[in-house]
């Protein structure tokens, strides 16, 4: 008799329109190599549809630009 496997992964959640824009909102410092590197990584992740990874880079840019991690 074949065993049926149940998936434990939930279906993806549809976030409200504009949520990703709010989540990824950041302004890199123009002449900062760290900010520019994180900006490139953010955009690459966004193009791949990996919003979680993109959000991590946006957070790094916000923290770095504000001096939160200095």
C-alpha atoms as a PDB file:
ATOM      1  CA  UNK A   1       0.000   0.000   0.000  1.00  0.00           C
ATOM      2  CA  UNK A   2       1.388   3.385  -0.995  1.00  0.00           C
ATOM      3  CA  UNK A   3       1.919   5.974   1.717  1.00  0.00           C
ATOM      4  CA  UNK A   4       0.584   9.431   1.067  1.00  0.00           C
ATOM      5  CA  UNK A   5       2.929  12.191   2.096  1.00  0.00           C
ATOM      6  CA  UNK A   6       1.509  15.381   3.439  1.00  0.00           C
ATOM      7  CA  UNK A   7       3.270  18.600   2.718  1.00  0.00           C
ATOM      8  CA  UNK A   8       4.108  20.809   5.683  1.00  0.00           C
ATOM      9  CA  UNK A   9       4.725  23.865   3.560  1.00  0.00           C
ATOM     10  CA  UNK A  10       1.905  26.366   3.482  1.00  0.00           C
ATOM     11  CA  UNK A  11       0.938  28.044   0.209  1.00  0.00           C
ATOM     12  CA  UNK A  12       2.540  31.463  -0.377  1.00  0.00           C
ATOM     13  CA  UNK A  13       0.856  34.452   1.214  1.00  0.00           C
ATOM     14  CA  UNK A  14      -0.259  37.310  -1.014  1.00  0.00           C
ATOM     15  CA  UNK A  15       0.930  40.542   0.569  1.00  0.00           C
ATOM     16  CA  UNK A  16      -1.006  43.780   0.119  1.00  0.00           C
ATOM     17  CA  UNK A  17      -0.205  45.815  -2.970  1.00  0.00           C
ATOM     18  CA  UNK A  18       2.682  48.154  -2.239  1.00  0.00           C
ATOM     19  CA  UNK A  19       3.997  46.172   0.726  1.00  0.00           C
ATOM     20  CA  UNK A  20       7.171  45.133  -1.090  1.00  0.00           C
ATOM     21  CA  UNK A  21       7.825  48.749  -2.055  1.00  0.00           C
ATOM     22  CA  UNK A  22       7.526  49.752   1.607  1.00  0.00           C
ATOM     23  CA  UNK A  23       9.700  46.823   2.718  1.00  0.00           C
ATOM     24  CA  UNK A  24      12.450  47.615   0.208  1.00  0.00           C
ATOM     25  CA  UNK A  25      12.353  51.399   0.660  1.00  0.00           C
ATOM     26  CA  UNK A  26      15.874  52.675   1.311  1.00  0.00           C
ATOM     27  CA  UNK A  27      18.294  55.311   0.060  1.00  0.00           C
ATOM     28  CA  UNK A  28      21.924  54.297  -0.353  1.00  0.00           C
ATOM     29  CA  UNK A  29      24.619  56.916   0.214  1.00  0.00           C
ATOM     30  CA  UNK A  30      25.904  57.861  -3.245  1.00  0.00           C
ATOM     31  CA  UNK A  31      29.638  57.681  -2.580  1.00  0.00           C
ATOM     32  CA  UNK A  32      29.598  54.742  -0.129  1.00  0.00           C
ATOM     33  CA  UNK A  33      30.975  51.438  -1.456  1.00  0.00           C
ATOM     34  CA  UNK A  34      29.091  49.439   1.182  1.00  0.00           C
ATOM     35  CA  UNK A  35      25.745  51.030   0.319  1.00  0.00           C
ATOM     36  CA  UNK A  36      26.345  50.622  -3.415  1.00  0.00           C
ATOM     37  CA  UNK A  37      27.261  46.960  -2.987  1.00  0.00           C
ATOM     38  CA  UNK A  38      24.160  46.296  -0.894  1.00  0.00           C
ATOM     39  CA  UNK A  39      22.075  48.195  -3.471  1.00  0.00           C
ATOM     40  CA  UNK A  40      23.324  45.941  -6.270  1.00  0.00           C
ATOM     41  CA  UNK A  41      22.575  42.836  -4.191  1.00  0.00           C
ATOM     42  CA  UNK A  42      19.116  44.186  -3.331  1.00  0.00           C
ATOM     43  CA  UNK A  43      18.275  44.692  -6.997  1.00  0.00           C
ATOM     44  CA  UNK A  44      19.633  41.269  -7.986  1.00  0.00           C
ATOM     45  CA  UNK A  45      17.527  39.564  -5.305  1.00  0.00           C
ATOM     46  CA  UNK A  46      14.480  41.597  -6.314  1.00  0.00           C
ATOM     47  CA  UNK A  47      14.894  40.554  -9.956  1.00  0.00           C
ATOM     48  CA  UNK A  48      15.047  36.904  -8.853  1.00  0.00           C
ATOM     49  CA  UNK A  49      11.865  37.408  -6.852  1.00  0.00           C
ATOM     50  CA  UNK A  50      13.632  36.752  -3.534  1.00  0.00           C
ATOM     51  CA  UNK A  51      11.974  39.483  -1.478  1.00  0.00           C
ATOM     52  CA  UNK A  52      13.309  38.069   1.795  1.00  0.00           C
ATOM     53  CA  UNK A  53      16.914  38.434   0.623  1.00  0.00           C
ATOM     54  CA  UNK A  54      16.179  41.838  -0.922  1.00  0.00           C
ATOM     55  CA  UNK A  55      14.684  43.012   2.375  1.00  0.00           C
ATOM     56  CA  UNK A  56      17.863  41.987   4.215  1.00  0.00           C
ATOM     57  CA  UNK A  57      19.921  44.188   1.897  1.00  0.00           C
ATOM     58  CA  UNK A  58      17.458  47.076   2.243  1.00  0.00           C
ATOM     59  CA  UNK A  59      17.790  46.801   6.018  1.00  0.00           C
ATOM     60  CA  UNK A  60      21.586  46.855   5.737  1.00  0.00           C
ATOM     61  CA  UNK A  61      21.392  50.016   3.602  1.00  0.00           C
ATOM     62  CA  UNK A  62      19.007  51.745   6.027  1.00  0.00           C
ATOM     63  CA  UNK A  63      21.127  50.787   9.048  1.00  0.00           C
ATOM     64  CA  UNK A  64      24.396  51.747   7.389  1.00  0.00           C
ATOM     65  CA  UNK A  65      23.131  55.036   5.978  1.00  0.00           C
ATOM     66  CA  UNK A  66      21.646  56.070   9.339  1.00  0.00           C
ATOM     67  CA  UNK A  67      24.785  55.119  11.264  1.00  0.00           C
ATOM     68  CA  UNK A  68      22.918  52.505  13.319  1.00  0.00           C
ATOM     69  CA  UNK A  69      25.784  49.996  13.061  1.00  0.00           C
ATOM     70  CA  UNK A  70      28.806  52.254  13.343  1.00  0.00           C
END
